[in-house]
């Protein structure tokens, strides 16, 4: 659970670093880049330990798939609640494809 919690927290930081500035289109690009770097630092402070702790319990492929699924779940919430965008049927279809990816990476060979 520690690995998953750290991955969720790191993805919250990274989502804000990459997309939070979209609400501030009038801010100079160099300024949003500097702010994004500052936010991304905290993402790395969580992501690296998550992978270090989780590796061995999970394979590298399993860690990566978990991270991608968490990223997209966090981003879906961010886009709805922060950016005010709507989720549509094709987003749900893409999520089902990710469930398939999780199934295949975690199934026993």
PDB file of N, CA and C in Angstrom:
ATOM      1  N   UNK A   1       0.830  -1.207   0.000  1.00  0.00           N
ATOM      2  CA  UNK A   1       0.000   0.000   0.000  1.00  0.00           C
ATOM      3  C   UNK A   1       0.867   1.262   0.000  1.00  0.00           C
ATOM      4  N   UNK A   2       2.056   1.173   0.608  1.00  0.00           N
ATOM      5  CA  UNK A   2       2.946   2.324   0.637  1.00  0.00           C
ATOM      6  C   UNK A   2       3.310   2.755  -0.787  1.00  0.00           C
ATOM      7  N   UNK A   3       3.619   1.789  -1.629  1.00  0.00           N
ATOM      8  CA  UNK A   3       3.988   2.094  -3.013  1.00  0.00           C
ATOM      9  C   UNK A   3       2.843   2.786  -3.737  1.00  0.00           C
ATOM     10  N   UNK A   4       1.645   2.262  -3.597  1.00  0.00           N
ATOM     11  CA  UNK A   4       0.485   2.843  -4.284  1.00  0.00           C
ATOM     12  C   UNK A   4       0.200   4.244  -3.755  1.00  0.00           C
ATOM     13  N   UNK A   5       0.264   4.440  -2.448  1.00  0.00           N
ATOM     14  CA  UNK A   5       0.050   5.762  -1.873  1.00  0.00           C
ATOM     15  C   UNK A   5       1.060   6.784  -2.367  1.00  0.00           C
ATOM     16  N   UNK A   6       2.327   6.383  -2.434  1.00  0.00           N
ATOM     17  CA  UNK A   6       3.366   7.285  -2.937  1.00  0.00           C
ATOM     18  C   UNK A   6       3.162   7.584  -4.416  1.00  0.00           C
ATOM     19  N   UNK A   7       2.741   6.582  -5.189  1.00  0.00           N
ATOM     20  CA  UNK A   7       2.476   6.815  -6.608  1.00  0.00           C
ATOM     21  C   UNK A   7       1.312   7.781  -6.817  1.00  0.00           C
ATOM     22  N   UNK A   8       0.270   7.648  -6.017  1.00  0.00           N
ATOM     23  CA  UNK A   8      -0.867   8.570  -6.122  1.00  0.00           C
ATOM     24  C   UNK A   8      -0.418   9.985  -5.785  1.00  0.00           C
ATOM     25  N   UNK A   9       0.306  10.145  -4.676  1.00  0.00           N
ATOM     26  CA  UNK A   9       0.770  11.476  -4.271  1.00  0.00           C
ATOM     27  C   UNK A   9       1.699  12.080  -5.320  1.00  0.00           C
ATOM     28  N   UNK A  10       2.620  11.272  -5.847  1.00  0.00           N
ATOM     29  CA  UNK A  10       3.547  11.806  -6.846  1.00  0.00           C
ATOM     30  C   UNK A  10       2.805  12.237  -8.104  1.00  0.00           C
ATOM     31  N   UNK A  11       1.773  11.490  -8.482  1.00  0.00           N
ATOM     32  CA  UNK A  11       1.010  11.849  -9.675  1.00  0.00           C
ATOM     33  C   UNK A  11       0.170  13.101  -9.475  1.00  0.00           C
ATOM     34  N   UNK A  12      -0.263  13.357  -8.261  1.00  0.00           N
ATOM     35  CA  UNK A  12      -0.965  14.615  -7.998  1.00  0.00           C
ATOM     36  C   UNK A  12      -0.021  15.792  -8.262  1.00  0.00           C
ATOM     37  N   UNK A  13       1.209  15.700  -7.768  1.00  0.00           N
ATOM     38  CA  UNK A  13       2.183  16.765  -8.013  1.00  0.00           C
ATOM     39  C   UNK A  13       2.494  16.901  -9.500  1.00  0.00           C
ATOM     40  N   UNK A  14       2.726  15.779 -10.168  1.00  0.00           N
ATOM     41  CA  UNK A  14       3.117  15.856 -11.569  1.00  0.00           C
ATOM     42  C   UNK A  14       1.993  16.380 -12.447  1.00  0.00           C
ATOM     43  N   UNK A  15       0.775  16.015 -12.143  1.00  0.00           N
ATOM     44  CA  UNK A  15      -0.351  16.519 -12.930  1.00  0.00           C
ATOM     45  C   UNK A  15      -0.445  18.031 -12.804  1.00  0.00           C
ATOM     46  N   UNK A  16      -0.269  18.547 -11.590  1.00  0.00           N
ATOM     47  CA  UNK A  16      -0.278  20.011 -11.427  1.00  0.00           C
ATOM     48  C   UNK A  16       0.923  20.646 -12.116  1.00  0.00           C
ATOM     49  N   UNK A  17       2.080  19.988 -12.070  1.00  0.00           N
ATOM     50  CA  UNK A  17       3.260  20.540 -12.728  1.00  0.00           C
ATOM     51  C   UNK A  17       3.053  20.631 -14.241  1.00  0.00           C
ATOM     52  N   UNK A  18       2.464  19.607 -14.823  1.00  0.00           N
ATOM     53  CA  UNK A  18       2.312  19.568 -16.273  1.00  0.00           C
ATOM     54  C   UNK A  18       1.097  20.328 -16.786  1.00  0.00           C
ATOM     55  N   UNK A  19       0.005  20.345 -16.007  1.00  0.00           N
ATOM     56  CA  UNK A  19      -1.246  20.886 -16.541  1.00  0.00           C
ATOM     57  C   UNK A  19      -1.860  22.017 -15.723  1.00  0.00           C
ATOM     58  N   UNK A  20      -1.369  22.264 -14.536  1.00  0.00           N
ATOM     59  CA  UNK A  20      -1.954  23.302 -13.680  1.00  0.00           C
ATOM     60  C   UNK A  20      -1.893  24.689 -14.274  1.00  0.00           C
ATOM     61  N   UNK A  21      -0.879  24.935 -15.072  1.00  0.00           N
ATOM     62  CA  UNK A  21      -0.701  26.263 -15.674  1.00  0.00           C
ATOM     63  C   UNK A  21      -1.712  26.572 -16.772  1.00  0.00           C
ATOM     64  N   UNK A  22      -2.465  25.584 -17.220  1.00  0.00           N
ATOM     65  CA  UNK A  22      -3.407  25.816 -18.311  1.00  0.00           C
ATOM     66  C   UNK A  22      -4.488  26.829 -17.943  1.00  0.00           C
ATOM     67  N   UNK A  23      -4.727  27.007 -16.644  1.00  0.00           N
ATOM     68  CA  UNK A  23      -5.694  28.022 -16.207  1.00  0.00           C
ATOM     69  C   UNK A  23      -5.085  29.422 -16.199  1.00  0.00           C
ATOM     70  N   UNK A  24      -3.779  29.507 -16.382  1.00  0.00           N
ATOM     71  CA  UNK A  24      -3.076  30.795 -16.298  1.00  0.00           C
ATOM     72  C   UNK A  24      -2.368  31.086 -17.618  1.00  0.00           C
ATOM     73  N   UNK A  25      -3.146  31.183 -18.669  1.00  0.00           N
ATOM     74  CA  UNK A  25      -2.607  31.369 -20.021  1.00  0.00           C
ATOM     75  C   UNK A  25      -1.909  32.709 -20.202  1.00  0.00           C
ATOM     76  N   UNK A  26      -2.191  33.688 -19.335  1.00  0.00           N
ATOM     77  CA  UNK A  26      -1.572  35.005 -19.472  1.00  0.00           C
ATOM     78  C   UNK A  26      -0.217  35.099 -18.773  1.00  0.00           C
ATOM     79  N   UNK A  27       0.149  34.075 -18.026  1.00  0.00           N
ATOM     80  CA  UNK A  27       1.442  34.062 -17.342  1.00  0.00           C
ATOM     81  C   UNK A  27       2.524  33.678 -18.350  1.00  0.00           C
ATOM     82  N   UNK A  28       3.665  34.334 -18.247  1.00  0.00           N
ATOM     83  CA  UNK A  28       4.771  34.081 -19.179  1.00  0.00           C
ATOM     84  C   UNK A  28       5.204  32.616 -19.114  1.00  0.00           C
ATOM     85  N   UNK A  29       5.554  32.079 -20.269  1.00  0.00           N
ATOM     86  CA  UNK A  29       5.933  30.671 -20.359  1.00  0.00           C
ATOM     87  C   UNK A  29       7.124  30.340 -19.467  1.00  0.00           C
ATOM     88  N   UNK A  30       8.119  31.202 -19.426  1.00  0.00           N
ATOM     89  CA  UNK A  30       9.297  30.924 -18.594  1.00  0.00           C
ATOM     90  C   UNK A  30       8.920  30.830 -17.123  1.00  0.00           C
ATOM     91  N   UNK A  31       7.920  31.595 -16.698  1.00  0.00           N
ATOM     92  CA  UNK A  31       7.478  31.541 -15.303  1.00  0.00           C
ATOM     93  C   UNK A  31       6.779  30.219 -14.990  1.00  0.00           C
ATOM     94  N   UNK A  32       5.912  29.779 -15.886  1.00  0.00           N
ATOM     95  CA  UNK A  32       5.219  28.518 -15.615  1.00  0.00           C
ATOM     96  C   UNK A  32       6.191  27.337 -15.693  1.00  0.00           C
ATOM     97  N   UNK A  33       7.225  27.451 -16.526  1.00  0.00           N
ATOM     98  CA  UNK A  33       8.235  26.396 -16.574  1.00  0.00           C
ATOM     99  C   UNK A  33       8.968  26.308 -15.241  1.00  0.00           C
ATOM    100  N   UNK A  34       9.357  27.445 -14.681  1.00  0.00           N
ATOM    101  CA  UNK A  34      10.055  27.437 -13.387  1.00  0.00           C
ATOM    102  C   UNK A  34       9.169  26.891 -12.273  1.00  0.00           C
ATOM    103  N   UNK A  35       7.914  27.292 -12.262  1.00  0.00           N
ATOM    104  CA  UNK A  35       6.982  26.785 -11.243  1.00  0.00           C
ATOM    105  C   UNK A  35       6.785  25.279 -11.425  1.00  0.00           C
ATOM    106  N   UNK A  36       6.636  24.843 -12.674  1.00  0.00           N
ATOM    107  CA  UNK A  36       6.455  23.411 -12.947  1.00  0.00           C
ATOM    108  C   UNK A  36       7.675  22.613 -12.486  1.00  0.00           C
ATOM    109  N   UNK A  37       8.881  23.115 -12.707  1.00  0.00           N
ATOM    110  CA  UNK A  37      10.081  22.430 -12.225  1.00  0.00           C
ATOM    111  C   UNK A  37      10.065  22.307 -10.713  1.00  0.00           C
ATOM    112  N   UNK A  38       9.651  23.385 -10.047  1.00  0.00           N
ATOM    113  CA  UNK A  38       9.580  23.347  -8.585  1.00  0.00           C
ATOM    114  C   UNK A  38       8.584  22.314  -8.078  1.00  0.00           C
ATOM    115  N   UNK A  39       7.444  22.229  -8.736  1.00  0.00           N
ATOM    116  CA  UNK A  39       6.429  21.246  -8.347  1.00  0.00           C
ATOM    117  C   UNK A  39       6.923  19.834  -8.670  1.00  0.00           C
ATOM    118  N   UNK A  40       7.569  19.670  -9.828  1.00  0.00           N
ATOM    119  CA  UNK A  40       8.044  18.351 -10.249  1.00  0.00           C
ATOM    120  C   UNK A  40       9.104  17.804  -9.300  1.00  0.00           C
ATOM    121  N   UNK A  41       9.856  18.662  -8.643  1.00  0.00           N
ATOM    122  CA  UNK A  41      10.838  18.199  -7.669  1.00  0.00           C
ATOM    123  C   UNK A  41      10.169  17.328  -6.612  1.00  0.00           C
ATOM    124  N   UNK A  42       9.008  17.773  -6.116  1.00  0.00           N
ATOM    125  CA  UNK A  42       8.303  17.011  -5.088  1.00  0.00           C
ATOM    126  C   UNK A  42       7.743  15.708  -5.651  1.00  0.00           C
ATOM    127  N   UNK A  43       7.375  15.729  -6.928  1.00  0.00           N
ATOM    128  CA  UNK A  43       6.917  14.492  -7.570  1.00  0.00           C
ATOM    129  C   UNK A  43       8.038  13.460  -7.552  1.00  0.00           C
ATOM    130  N   UNK A  44       9.248  13.878  -7.899  1.00  0.00           N
ATOM    131  CA  UNK A  44      10.381  12.950  -7.896  1.00  0.00           C
ATOM    132  C   UNK A  44      10.708  12.463  -6.494  1.00  0.00           C
ATOM    133  N   UNK A  45      10.525  13.312  -5.503  1.00  0.00           N
ATOM    134  CA  UNK A  45      10.783  12.915  -4.110  1.00  0.00           C
ATOM    135  C   UNK A  45       9.819  11.828  -3.645  1.00  0.00           C
ATOM    136  N   UNK A  46       8.717  11.650  -4.328  1.00  0.00           N
ATOM    137  CA  UNK A  46       7.743  10.604  -4.011  1.00  0.00           C
ATOM    138  C   UNK A  46       7.837   9.422  -4.984  1.00  0.00           C
ATOM    139  N   UNK A  47       8.056   9.719  -6.250  1.00  0.00           N
ATOM    140  CA  UNK A  47       8.086   8.673  -7.283  1.00  0.00           C
ATOM    141  C   UNK A  47       9.270   7.732  -7.101  1.00  0.00           C
ATOM    142  N   UNK A  48      10.443   8.282  -6.861  1.00  0.00           N
ATOM    143  CA  UNK A  48      11.640   7.444  -6.729  1.00  0.00           C
ATOM    144  C   UNK A  48      11.510   6.484  -5.537  1.00  0.00           C
ATOM    145  N   UNK A  49      11.114   6.965  -4.344  1.00  0.00           N
ATOM    146  CA  UNK A  49      10.918   6.007  -3.245  1.00  0.00           C
ATOM    147  C   UNK A  49       9.807   4.989  -3.521  1.00  0.00           C
ATOM    148  N   UNK A  50       8.751   5.396  -4.212  1.00  0.00           N
ATOM    149  CA  UNK A  50       7.671   4.454  -4.535  1.00  0.00           C
ATOM    150  C   UNK A  50       8.216   3.286  -5.344  1.00  0.00           C
ATOM    151  N   UNK A  51       9.015   3.596  -6.353  1.00  0.00           N
ATOM    152  CA  UNK A  51       9.585   2.534  -7.174  1.00  0.00           C
ATOM    153  C   UNK A  51      10.621   1.721  -6.405  1.00  0.00           C
ATOM    154  N   UNK A  52      11.406   2.381  -5.581  1.00  0.00           N
ATOM    155  CA  UNK A  52      12.438   1.680  -4.798  1.00  0.00           C
ATOM    156  C   UNK A  52      11.782   0.717  -3.811  1.00  0.00           C
ATOM    157  N   UNK A  53      10.738   1.179  -3.139  1.00  0.00           N
ATOM    158  CA  UNK A  53      10.035   0.339  -2.158  1.00  0.00           C
ATOM    159  C   UNK A  53       9.276  -0.792  -2.849  1.00  0.00           C
ATOM    160  N   UNK A  54       8.643  -0.471  -3.969  1.00  0.00           N
ATOM    161  CA  UNK A  54       7.786  -1.445  -4.636  1.00  0.00           C
ATOM    162  C   UNK A  54       8.510  -2.498  -5.445  1.00  0.00           C
ATOM    163  N   UNK A  55       9.735  -2.176  -5.902  1.00  0.00           N
ATOM    164  CA  UNK A  55      10.455  -3.125  -6.752  1.00  0.00           C
ATOM    165  C   UNK A  55      10.899  -4.326  -5.926  1.00  0.00           C
ATOM    166  N   UNK A  56      10.550  -5.491  -6.387  1.00  0.00           N
ATOM    167  CA  UNK A  56      10.800  -6.721  -5.647  1.00  0.00           C
ATOM    168  C   UNK A  56       9.468  -7.344  -5.259  1.00  0.00           C
ATOM    169  N   UNK A  57       8.580  -6.498  -4.736  1.00  0.00           N
ATOM    170  CA  UNK A  57       7.211  -6.941  -4.494  1.00  0.00           C
ATOM    171  C   UNK A  57       6.479  -6.961  -5.843  1.00  0.00           C
ATOM    172  N   UNK A  58       6.814  -5.988  -6.691  1.00  0.00           N
ATOM    173  CA  UNK A  58       6.264  -5.887  -8.046  1.00  0.00           C
ATOM    174  C   UNK A  58       7.427  -5.900  -9.029  1.00  0.00           C
ATOM    175  N   UNK A  59       7.167  -6.319 -10.256  1.00  0.00           N
ATOM    176  CA  UNK A  59       8.178  -6.222 -11.306  1.00  0.00           C
ATOM    177  C   UNK A  59       8.202  -4.779 -11.810  1.00  0.00           C
ATOM    178  N   UNK A  60       9.214  -4.439 -12.578  1.00  0.00           N
ATOM    179  CA  UNK A  60       9.290  -3.095 -13.159  1.00  0.00           C
ATOM    180  C   UNK A  60       8.086  -2.837 -14.076  1.00  0.00           C
ATOM    181  N   UNK A  61       7.692  -3.849 -14.840  1.00  0.00           N
ATOM    182  CA  UNK A  61       6.533  -3.696 -15.730  1.00  0.00           C
ATOM    183  C   UNK A  61       5.254  -3.458 -14.932  1.00  0.00           C
ATOM    184  N   UNK A  62       5.091  -4.175 -13.833  1.00  0.00           N
ATOM    185  CA  UNK A  62       3.907  -3.976 -12.993  1.00  0.00           C
ATOM    186  C   UNK A  62       3.905  -2.583 -12.377  1.00  0.00           C
ATOM    187  N   UNK A  63       5.066  -2.119 -11.919  1.00  0.00           N
ATOM    188  CA  UNK A  63       5.152  -0.759 -11.366  1.00  0.00           C
ATOM    189  C   UNK A  63       4.775   0.279 -12.424  1.00  0.00           C
ATOM    190  N   UNK A  64       5.250   0.088 -13.635  1.00  0.00           N
ATOM    191  CA  UNK A  64       4.975   1.055 -14.706  1.00  0.00           C
ATOM    192  C   UNK A  64       3.498   1.073 -15.068  1.00  0.00           C
ATOM    193  N   UNK A  65       2.885  -0.089 -15.194  1.00  0.00           N
ATOM    194  CA  UNK A  65       1.458  -0.137 -15.524  1.00  0.00           C
ATOM    195  C   UNK A  65       0.637   0.489 -14.398  1.00  0.00           C
ATOM    196  N   UNK A  66       0.990   0.182 -13.135  1.00  0.00           N
ATOM    197  CA  UNK A  66       0.282   0.807 -12.004  1.00  0.00           C
ATOM    198  C   UNK A  66       0.405   2.319 -12.085  1.00  0.00           C
ATOM    199  N   UNK A  67       1.608   2.795 -12.357  1.00  0.00           N
ATOM    200  CA  UNK A  67       1.846   4.237 -12.425  1.00  0.00           C
ATOM    201  C   UNK A  67       1.014   4.870 -13.538  1.00  0.00           C
ATOM    202  N   UNK A  68       0.930   4.213 -14.678  1.00  0.00           N
ATOM    203  CA  UNK A  68       0.152   4.760 -15.794  1.00  0.00           C
ATOM    204  C   UNK A  68      -1.342   4.811 -15.469  1.00  0.00           C
ATOM    205  N   UNK A  69      -1.850   3.764 -14.865  1.00  0.00           N
ATOM    206  CA  UNK A  69      -3.274   3.742 -14.498  1.00  0.00           C
ATOM    207  C   UNK A  69      -3.552   4.828 -13.456  1.00  0.00           C
ATOM    208  N   UNK A  70      -2.698   4.925 -12.449  1.00  0.00           N
ATOM    209  CA  UNK A  70      -2.871   5.968 -11.425  1.00  0.00           C
ATOM    210  C   UNK A  70      -2.800   7.343 -12.064  1.00  0.00           C
ATOM    211  N   UNK A  71      -1.856   7.538 -12.980  1.00  0.00           N
ATOM    212  CA  UNK A  71      -1.727   8.821 -13.670  1.00  0.00           C
ATOM    213  C   UNK A  71      -3.023   9.204 -14.365  1.00  0.00           C
ATOM    214  N   UNK A  72      -3.616   8.262 -15.072  1.00  0.00           N
ATOM    215  CA  UNK A  72      -4.828   8.582 -15.822  1.00  0.00           C
ATOM    216  C   UNK A  72      -6.040   8.782 -14.916  1.00  0.00           C
ATOM    217  N   UNK A  73      -6.108   8.065 -13.811  1.00  0.00           N
ATOM    218  CA  UNK A  73      -7.201   8.288 -12.852  1.00  0.00           C
ATOM    219  C   UNK A  73      -7.058   9.665 -12.218  1.00  0.00           C
ATOM    220  N   UNK A  74      -5.837   9.998 -11.802  1.00  0.00           N
ATOM    221  CA  UNK A  74      -5.592  11.321 -11.214  1.00  0.00           C
ATOM    222  C   UNK A  74      -5.902  12.404 -12.243  1.00  0.00           C
ATOM    223  N   UNK A  75      -5.444  12.206 -13.485  1.00  0.00           N
ATOM    224  CA  UNK A  75      -5.683  13.208 -14.521  1.00  0.00           C
ATOM    225  C   UNK A  75      -7.167  13.367 -14.826  1.00  0.00           C
ATOM    226  N   UNK A  76      -7.925  12.271 -14.828  1.00  0.00           N
ATOM    227  CA  UNK A  76      -9.363  12.368 -15.078  1.00  0.00           C
ATOM    228  C   UNK A  76     -10.023  13.238 -14.021  1.00  0.00           C
ATOM    229  N   UNK A  77      -9.690  13.011 -12.759  1.00  0.00           N
ATOM    230  CA  UNK A  77     -10.239  13.858 -11.695  1.00  0.00           C
ATOM    231  C   UNK A  77      -9.787  15.297 -11.827  1.00  0.00           C
ATOM    232  N   UNK A  78      -8.534  15.508 -12.145  1.00  0.00           N
ATOM    233  CA  UNK A  78      -7.981  16.857 -12.323  1.00  0.00           C
ATOM    234  C   UNK A  78      -8.697  17.591 -13.454  1.00  0.00           C
ATOM    235  N   UNK A  79      -8.876  16.904 -14.589  1.00  0.00           N
ATOM    236  CA  UNK A  79      -9.495  17.572 -15.733  1.00  0.00           C
ATOM    237  C   UNK A  79     -10.954  17.934 -15.454  1.00  0.00           C
ATOM    238  N   UNK A  80     -11.635  17.119 -14.656  1.00  0.00           N
ATOM    239  CA  UNK A  80     -13.032  17.414 -14.326  1.00  0.00           C
ATOM    240  C   UNK A  80     -13.116  18.509 -13.266  1.00  0.00           C
ATOM    241  N   UNK A  81     -12.411  18.330 -12.158  1.00  0.00           N
ATOM    242  CA  UNK A  81     -12.576  19.227 -11.009  1.00  0.00           C
ATOM    243  C   UNK A  81     -11.753  20.505 -11.091  1.00  0.00           C
ATOM    244  N   UNK A  82     -10.596  20.478 -11.739  1.00  0.00           N
ATOM    245  CA  UNK A  82      -9.755  21.677 -11.805  1.00  0.00           C
ATOM    246  C   UNK A  82      -9.936  22.429 -13.117  1.00  0.00           C
ATOM    247  N   UNK A  83      -9.951  21.687 -14.234  1.00  0.00           N
ATOM    248  CA  UNK A  83     -10.072  22.337 -15.536  1.00  0.00           C
ATOM    249  C   UNK A  83     -11.514  22.474 -16.003  1.00  0.00           C
ATOM    250  N   UNK A  84     -12.443  21.772 -15.341  1.00  0.00           N
ATOM    251  CA  UNK A  84     -13.861  21.887 -15.704  1.00  0.00           C
ATOM    252  C   UNK A  84     -14.228  21.168 -16.990  1.00  0.00           C
ATOM    253  N   UNK A  85     -13.444  20.190 -17.394  1.00  0.00           N
ATOM    254  CA  UNK A  85     -13.759  19.431 -18.598  1.00  0.00           C
ATOM    255  C   UNK A  85     -14.686  18.271 -18.259  1.00  0.00           C
ATOM    256  N   UNK A  86     -15.291  17.693 -19.287  1.00  0.00           N
ATOM    257  CA  UNK A  86     -16.207  16.571 -19.078  1.00  0.00           C
ATOM    258  C   UNK A  86     -15.570  15.270 -19.549  1.00  0.00           C
ATOM    259  N   UNK A  87     -15.868  14.195 -18.831  1.00  0.00           N
ATOM    260  CA  UNK A  87     -15.468  12.875 -19.298  1.00  0.00           C
ATOM    261  C   UNK A  87     -16.529  12.371 -20.256  1.00  0.00           C
ATOM    262  N   UNK A  88     -16.107  11.647 -21.274  1.00  0.00           N
ATOM    263  CA  UNK A  88     -17.026  11.149 -22.289  1.00  0.00           C
ATOM    264  C   UNK A  88     -16.896   9.632 -22.419  1.00  0.00           C
ATOM    265  N   UNK A  89     -17.735   9.045 -23.248  1.00  0.00           N
ATOM    266  CA  UNK A  89     -17.761   7.590 -23.389  1.00  0.00           C
ATOM    267  C   UNK A  89     -16.413   7.043 -23.852  1.00  0.00           C
ATOM    268  N   UNK A  90     -15.711   7.778 -24.722  1.00  0.00           N
ATOM    269  CA  UNK A  90     -14.443   7.269 -25.225  1.00  0.00           C
ATOM    270  C   UNK A  90     -13.375   7.234 -24.139  1.00  0.00           C
ATOM    271  N   UNK A  91     -13.504   8.084 -23.129  1.00  0.00           N
ATOM    272  CA  UNK A  91     -12.593   8.024 -21.989  1.00  0.00           C
ATOM    273  C   UNK A  91     -12.835   6.735 -21.197  1.00  0.00           C
ATOM    274  N   UNK A  92     -14.097   6.363 -21.054  1.00  0.00           N
ATOM    275  CA  UNK A  92     -14.430   5.107 -20.364  1.00  0.00           C
ATOM    276  C   UNK A  92     -13.916   3.912 -21.167  1.00  0.00           C
ATOM    277  N   UNK A  93     -14.020   3.977 -22.484  1.00  0.00           N
ATOM    278  CA  UNK A  93     -13.508   2.887 -23.318  1.00  0.00           C
ATOM    279  C   UNK A  93     -11.996   2.762 -23.166  1.00  0.00           C
ATOM    280  N   UNK A  94     -11.300   3.872 -23.118  1.00  0.00           N
ATOM    281  CA  UNK A  94      -9.848   3.850 -22.912  1.00  0.00           C
ATOM    282  C   UNK A  94      -9.514   3.270 -21.538  1.00  0.00           C
ATOM    283  N   UNK A  95     -10.300   3.602 -20.529  1.00  0.00           N
ATOM    284  CA  UNK A  95     -10.087   3.068 -19.177  1.00  0.00           C
ATOM    285  C   UNK A  95     -10.242   1.551 -19.170  1.00  0.00           C
ATOM    286  N   UNK A  96     -11.198   1.042 -19.933  1.00  0.00           N
ATOM    287  CA  UNK A  96     -11.364  -0.416 -20.029  1.00  0.00           C
ATOM    288  C   UNK A  96     -10.141  -1.072 -20.675  1.00  0.00           C
ATOM    289  N   UNK A  97      -9.545  -0.405 -21.638  1.00  0.00           N
ATOM    290  CA  UNK A  97      -8.315  -0.931 -22.239  1.00  0.00           C
ATOM    291  C   UNK A  97      -7.202  -0.992 -21.201  1.00  0.00           C
ATOM    292  N   UNK A  98      -7.146   0.004 -20.321  1.00  0.00           N
ATOM    293  CA  UNK A  98      -6.143  -0.009 -19.264  1.00  0.00           C
ATOM    294  C   UNK A  98      -6.375  -1.145 -18.277  1.00  0.00           C
ATOM    295  N   UNK A  99      -7.640  -1.443 -18.008  1.00  0.00           N
ATOM    296  CA  UNK A  99      -7.946  -2.581 -17.137  1.00  0.00           C
ATOM    297  C   UNK A  99      -7.386  -3.855 -17.778  1.00  0.00           C
ATOM    298  N   UNK A 100      -7.501  -3.953 -19.084  1.00  0.00           N
ATOM    299  CA  UNK A 100      -6.912  -5.090 -19.791  1.00  0.00           C
ATOM    300  C   UNK A 100      -5.403  -5.123 -19.642  1.00  0.00           C
ATOM    301  N   UNK A 101      -4.757  -3.977 -19.735  1.00  0.00           N
ATOM    302  CA  UNK A 101      -3.303  -3.913 -19.561  1.00  0.00           C
ATOM    303  C   UNK A 101      -2.903  -4.371 -18.163  1.00  0.00           C
ATOM    304  N   UNK A 102      -3.652  -3.936 -17.168  1.00  0.00           N
ATOM    305  CA  UNK A 102      -3.377  -4.359 -15.782  1.00  0.00           C
ATOM    306  C   UNK A 102      -3.538  -5.867 -15.658  1.00  0.00           C
ATOM    307  N   UNK A 103      -4.596  -6.393 -16.220  1.00  0.00           N
ATOM    308  CA  UNK A 103      -4.844  -7.840 -16.156  1.00  0.00           C
ATOM    309  C   UNK A 103      -3.670  -8.600 -16.749  1.00  0.00           C
ATOM    310  N   UNK A 104      -3.255  -8.206 -17.948  1.00  0.00           N
ATOM    311  CA  UNK A 104      -2.207  -8.955 -18.631  1.00  0.00           C
ATOM    312  C   UNK A 104      -0.844  -8.834 -17.953  1.00  0.00           C
ATOM    313  N   UNK A 105      -0.535  -7.686 -17.390  1.00  0.00           N
ATOM    314  CA  UNK A 105       0.781  -7.540 -16.757  1.00  0.00           C
ATOM    315  C   UNK A 105       0.852  -8.241 -15.402  1.00  0.00           C
ATOM    316  N   UNK A 106      -0.292  -8.404 -14.736  1.00  0.00           N
ATOM    317  CA  UNK A 106      -0.298  -9.048 -13.423  1.00  0.00           C
ATOM    318  C   UNK A 106      -0.624 -10.542 -13.489  1.00  0.00           C
ATOM    319  N   UNK A 107      -1.071 -11.048 -14.647  1.00  0.00           N
ATOM    320  CA  UNK A 107      -1.396 -12.470 -14.734  1.00  0.00           C
ATOM    321  C   UNK A 107      -0.118 -13.302 -14.698  1.00  0.00           C
ATOM    322  N   UNK A 108      -0.247 -14.497 -14.179  1.00  0.00           N
ATOM    323  CA  UNK A 108       0.896 -15.412 -14.107  1.00  0.00           C
ATOM    324  C   UNK A 108       1.216 -15.936 -15.495  1.00  0.00           C
ATOM    325  N   UNK A 109       2.503 -15.981 -15.850  1.00  0.00           N
ATOM    326  CA  UNK A 109       2.870 -16.463 -17.195  1.00  0.00           C
ATOM    327  C   UNK A 109       2.573 -17.948 -17.369  1.00  0.00           C
TER     328      UNK A 109
END
